Amino acid sequence: MSAAEDIDQMILAEPRLAAITIDSVAAAVRDFPLPLHESIEWLTRAIQGALLASLSSEEEGSQRQSNSDTQKELALLSQKARTLWAAVFQRSNGADRAIFDHAYSISPEHCLAFSEAVAHVDWLADFLLDAAKAQEPQRPKWRAAAEREDRIRRAQFLSPVFERAFSAMATINTWDIDARPKHRASSYGHWADFYQRIASMAFGDHAPLDLEGVLDEARRRQKSHRVTFEPGVLPE
């Protein structure tokens, strides 16, 4: 299997890219003012590949579980483990006799293994509680900051696609911006318009308040360390 075929399989398996199809991309750029210099099939596959490369893991992205919720989950698991340990520890004489009779019928070592297993449940409860306490508080609005980082990465990774597809530089136009509606991406030029069309189509991310700042930061990063794609990420 070629590198491009591997990427194709990864794209199909990534639910966060499910909205990106030839039809949805064609609809997104239908009235775009610049002429497209590649096929719509090329543009669709390029957008899919670039955005796949831009995605953070679900454990690191903006949609990850908060540390507070993780702390609560671990504390609850600790409580359940402690309840289990207490229930087994407080077993009746009849249950105790049945357990060790059964263990001994298998092998004498199983009697020791049972006692060690019960002790391990107690250890597990302590360990889970310690892991819960180790969760550090997150700063206020951490999710909004993570979402902004997602947008910056999308913009940086999409910019080479835009430049090749439309033979135009991925820059924004802020000249006389006060005379234009700032809530419209097209007010910042073709690149901003394209980015927002794709972000809305792919992720339902409509008109972020800091579009200018997001695209400026993406441009700064691209100038400092230009994105390079592994073979197969973008179509030929």
Protein backbone atom coordinates (compact mmCIF):
# COMPACT_ATOMS: atom_id res chain seq x y z
CA MET A 1 0.00 0.00 0.00
CA SER A 2 1.35 3.42 -0.99
CA ALA A 3 1.75 6.39 1.34
CA ALA A 4 -1.22 8.11 -0.31
CA GLU A 5 -3.38 5.02 0.19
CA ASP A 6 -2.37 4.90 3.86
CA ILE A 7 -3.45 8.54 4.25
CA ASP A 8 -6.72 7.78 2.45
CA GLN A 9 -7.49 5.09 5.02
CA MET A 10 -6.63 7.43 7.89
CA ILE A 11 -8.94 10.10 6.46
CA LEU A 12 -11.81 7.62 6.18
CA ALA A 13 -11.23 6.48 9.77
CA GLU A 14 -11.15 10.02 11.22
CA PRO A 15 -14.69 11.09 12.25
CA ARG A 16 -13.63 14.72 12.63
CA LEU A 17 -13.15 14.90 8.85
CA ALA A 18 -16.42 13.22 7.89
CA ALA A 19 -18.04 16.45 6.67
CA ILE A 20 -15.35 17.02 4.03
CA THR A 21 -16.55 15.56 0.73
CA ILE A 22 -16.27 16.59 -2.90
CA ASP A 23 -19.84 17.88 -2.79
CA SER A 24 -19.39 19.86 0.45
CA VAL A 25 -16.12 21.42 -0.75
CA ALA A 26 -17.68 22.30 -4.11
CA ALA A 27 -20.56 23.97 -2.29
CA ALA A 28 -18.18 25.84 0.02
CA VAL A 29 -16.19 27.39 -2.84
CA ARG A 30 -19.00 27.67 -5.39
CA ASP A 31 -19.00 31.47 -5.55
CA PHE A 32 -15.38 31.98 -4.47
CA PRO A 33 -14.00 35.01 -6.37
CA LEU A 34 -10.63 33.49 -7.34
CA PRO A 35 -10.34 30.90 -10.13
CA LEU A 36 -9.45 27.38 -9.01
CA HIS A 37 -6.25 26.13 -10.67
CA GLU A 38 -6.70 22.52 -9.57
CA SER A 39 -9.62 20.11 -9.86
CA ILE A 40 -12.27 20.03 -7.14
CA GLU A 41 -11.18 16.44 -6.46
CA TRP A 42 -7.61 17.63 -5.88
CA LEU A 43 -8.80 20.44 -3.59
CA THR A 44 -10.99 18.11 -1.56
CA ARG A 45 -8.24 15.56 -1.02
CA ALA A 46 -5.71 18.31 -0.23
CA ILE A 47 -8.02 19.83 2.38
CA GLN A 48 -8.59 16.39 3.92
CA GLY A 49 -4.88 15.63 4.05
CA ALA A 50 -3.85 19.03 5.40
CA LEU A 51 -6.51 19.03 8.11
CA LEU A 52 -5.69 15.44 9.05
CA ALA A 53 -2.09 16.53 9.61
CA SER A 54 -3.26 19.53 11.65
CA LEU A 55 -5.42 17.59 14.09
CA SER A 56 -4.31 17.22 17.67
CA SER A 57 -4.91 13.88 19.36
CA GLU A 58 -8.21 13.65 21.19
CA GLU A 59 -6.23 13.53 24.45
CA GLU A 60 -4.60 16.89 23.66
CA GLY A 61 -7.18 18.83 21.64
CA SER A 62 -9.76 21.34 22.73
CA GLN A 63 -12.45 18.68 23.12
CA ARG A 64 -10.50 16.67 25.67
CA GLN A 65 -11.92 16.06 29.11
CA SER A 66 -11.09 18.75 31.63
CA ASN A 67 -8.69 17.99 34.47
CA SER A 68 -11.52 18.67 36.90
CA ASP A 69 -13.73 16.01 35.30
CA THR A 70 -10.80 13.60 35.16
CA GLN A 71 -10.17 14.18 38.86
CA LYS A 72 -13.82 13.43 39.66
CA GLU A 73 -13.74 10.27 37.53
CA LEU A 74 -10.58 8.95 39.20
CA ALA A 75 -11.92 9.74 42.67
CA LEU A 76 -15.11 7.83 41.86
CA LEU A 77 -13.12 4.84 40.60
CA SER A 78 -11.08 4.94 43.80
CA GLN A 79 -14.25 4.95 45.85
CA LYS A 80 -15.61 1.96 43.93
CA ALA A 81 -12.34 0.06 44.39
CA ARG A 82 -12.41 0.85 48.12
CA THR A 83 -16.01 -0.37 48.36
CA LEU A 84 -15.07 -3.60 46.60
CA TRP A 85 -12.09 -4.12 48.89
CA ALA A 86 -14.21 -3.51 52.00
CA ALA A 87 -16.92 -5.91 50.78
CA VAL A 88 -14.42 -8.70 50.11
CA PHE A 89 -12.55 -8.01 53.35
CA GLN A 90 -15.79 -8.21 55.37
CA ARG A 91 -16.97 -11.45 53.73
CA SER A 92 -18.81 -14.00 55.82
CA ASN A 93 -17.20 -17.11 57.30
CA GLY A 94 -19.15 -19.18 54.81
CA ALA A 95 -17.87 -17.18 51.84
CA ASP A 96 -14.34 -17.27 53.22
CA ARG A 97 -14.43 -21.05 53.57
CA ALA A 98 -15.85 -21.49 50.06
CA ILE A 99 -13.17 -19.24 48.57
CA PHE A 100 -10.26 -21.06 50.14
CA ASP A 101 -11.74 -24.50 49.53
CA HIS A 102 -12.04 -23.62 45.86
CA ALA A 103 -8.57 -22.09 45.75
CA TYR A 104 -6.98 -25.12 47.43
CA SER A 105 -8.78 -27.47 45.02
CA ILE A 106 -6.87 -25.80 42.20
CA SER A 107 -3.51 -25.45 43.95
CA PRO A 108 -2.21 -24.22 47.32
CA GLU A 109 -0.65 -21.27 45.49
CA HIS A 110 -4.15 -20.00 44.64
CA CYS A 111 -4.84 -19.37 48.33
CA LEU A 112 -1.90 -16.95 48.44
CA ALA A 113 -2.86 -15.47 45.08
CA PHE A 114 -6.35 -14.63 46.40
CA SER A 115 -4.96 -12.87 49.48
CA GLU A 116 -2.55 -10.88 47.32
CA ALA A 117 -5.33 -9.93 44.91
CA VAL A 118 -7.43 -8.51 47.75
CA ALA A 119 -4.45 -6.46 48.95
CA HIS A 120 -3.93 -5.19 45.39
CA VAL A 121 -7.48 -3.85 45.30
CA ASP A 122 -6.69 -1.80 48.41
CA TRP A 123 -3.50 -0.56 46.72
CA LEU A 124 -5.47 0.26 43.57
CA ALA A 125 -7.91 2.41 45.54
CA ASP A 126 -5.03 4.40 47.03
CA PHE A 127 -3.30 4.73 43.66
CA LEU A 128 -6.43 6.02 41.90
CA LEU A 129 -7.01 8.58 44.65
CA ASP A 130 -3.40 9.75 44.40
CA ALA A 131 -3.79 10.08 40.61
CA ALA A 132 -6.93 12.17 41.16
CA LYS A 133 -5.12 14.48 43.56
CA ALA A 134 -2.26 14.86 41.06
CA GLN A 135 -4.51 16.54 38.48
CA GLU A 136 -3.45 20.17 38.22
CA PRO A 137 -6.04 22.95 38.03
CA GLN A 138 -6.39 24.45 34.57
CA ARG A 139 -6.36 28.16 33.99
CA PRO A 140 -9.69 29.89 33.34
CA LYS A 141 -10.87 29.69 29.72
CA TRP A 142 -8.37 26.93 28.95
CA ARG A 143 -10.78 25.35 26.47
CA ALA A 144 -11.21 28.61 24.55
CA ALA A 145 -7.39 28.90 24.35
CA ALA A 146 -7.17 25.30 23.09
CA GLU A 147 -9.86 25.98 20.47
CA ARG A 148 -7.91 29.02 19.27
CA GLU A 149 -4.80 26.87 18.96
CA ASP A 150 -6.81 24.38 16.87
CA ARG A 151 -7.84 27.22 14.54
CA ILE A 152 -4.27 28.48 14.19
CA ARG A 153 -3.03 25.00 13.27
CA ARG A 154 -5.83 24.55 10.73
CA ALA A 155 -4.99 27.88 9.13
CA GLN A 156 -1.27 27.16 8.98
CA PHE A 157 -1.78 23.72 7.44
CA LEU A 158 -4.44 24.94 4.99
CA SER A 159 -2.38 27.90 3.76
CA PRO A 160 -0.17 25.87 1.34
CA VAL A 161 -3.32 24.25 -0.08
CA PHE A 162 -4.87 27.68 -0.71
CA GLU A 163 -1.70 29.03 -2.31
CA ARG A 164 -1.39 26.13 -4.75
CA ALA A 165 -5.10 25.82 -5.52
CA PHE A 166 -5.65 29.52 -6.23
CA SER A 167 -2.13 30.76 -7.07
CA ALA A 168 -2.42 33.45 -4.40
CA MET A 169 -0.58 34.26 -1.20
CA ALA A 170 -2.18 33.29 2.11
CA THR A 171 -2.17 36.80 3.56
CA ILE A 172 -4.89 38.96 5.03
CA ASN A 173 -5.87 42.48 4.05
CA THR A 174 -6.32 44.84 6.97
CA TRP A 175 -6.04 48.06 4.95
CA ASP A 176 -9.03 50.29 5.71
CA ILE A 177 -10.53 47.43 7.74
CA ASP A 178 -12.54 49.84 9.89
CA ALA A 179 -14.61 50.70 6.83
CA ARG A 180 -15.61 47.04 6.31
CA PRO A 181 -17.68 44.66 8.47
CA LYS A 182 -15.18 42.85 10.69
CA HIS A 183 -17.56 39.96 11.34
CA ARG A 184 -17.26 38.92 7.68
CA ALA A 185 -14.18 36.88 6.78
CA SER A 186 -14.24 38.23 3.23
CA SER A 187 -13.46 41.67 4.66
CA TYR A 188 -9.92 40.40 5.32
CA GLY A 189 -9.34 39.17 1.76
CA HIS A 190 -9.48 35.95 -0.24
CA TRP A 191 -7.37 33.83 2.10
CA ALA A 192 -9.48 34.68 5.15
CA ASP A 193 -12.62 34.05 3.12
CA PHE A 194 -11.37 30.62 1.99
CA TYR A 195 -10.21 29.63 5.47
CA GLN A 196 -13.54 30.53 7.05
CA ARG A 197 -15.54 28.73 4.35
CA ILE A 198 -13.57 25.54 4.95
CA ALA A 199 -13.63 25.82 8.75
CA SER A 200 -17.39 26.34 8.70
CA MET A 201 -17.97 23.46 6.30
CA ALA A 202 -15.63 20.99 7.99
CA PHE A 203 -16.08 21.79 11.68
CA GLY A 204 -19.10 24.08 11.96
CA ASP A 205 -16.72 26.77 13.19
CA HIS A 206 -18.53 29.95 12.19
CA ALA A 207 -17.00 33.43 12.35
CA PRO A 208 -14.54 33.29 15.29
CA LEU A 209 -14.23 36.60 17.08
CA ASP A 210 -10.45 36.73 16.62
CA LEU A 211 -10.15 35.69 12.97
CA GLU A 212 -7.54 38.36 12.24
CA GLY A 213 -5.42 37.28 15.21
CA VAL A 214 -5.73 33.59 14.29
CA LEU A 215 -4.61 34.15 10.71
CA ASP A 216 -1.84 36.55 11.73
CA GLU A 217 -0.43 33.95 14.13
CA ALA A 218 -0.72 31.19 11.54
CA ARG A 219 1.17 33.39 9.06
CA ARG A 220 3.85 34.19 11.63
CA ARG A 221 4.39 30.49 12.34
CA GLN A 222 4.42 29.65 8.64
CA LYS A 223 7.12 32.26 7.99
CA SER A 224 9.13 31.03 10.98
CA HIS A 225 8.75 27.30 10.33
CA ARG A 226 7.02 26.42 7.09
CA VAL A 227 4.75 23.37 7.18
CA THR A 228 6.09 20.43 5.22
CA PHE A 229 3.89 17.44 4.52
CA GLU A 230 4.90 13.81 4.53
CA PRO A 231 4.53 11.95 1.21
CA GLY A 232 0.91 11.13 0.47
CA VAL A 233 -0.63 13.82 2.69
CA LEU A 234 -1.35 16.08 -0.31
CA PRO A 235 -2.28 14.69 -3.74
CA GLU A 236 0.15 15.02 -6.61
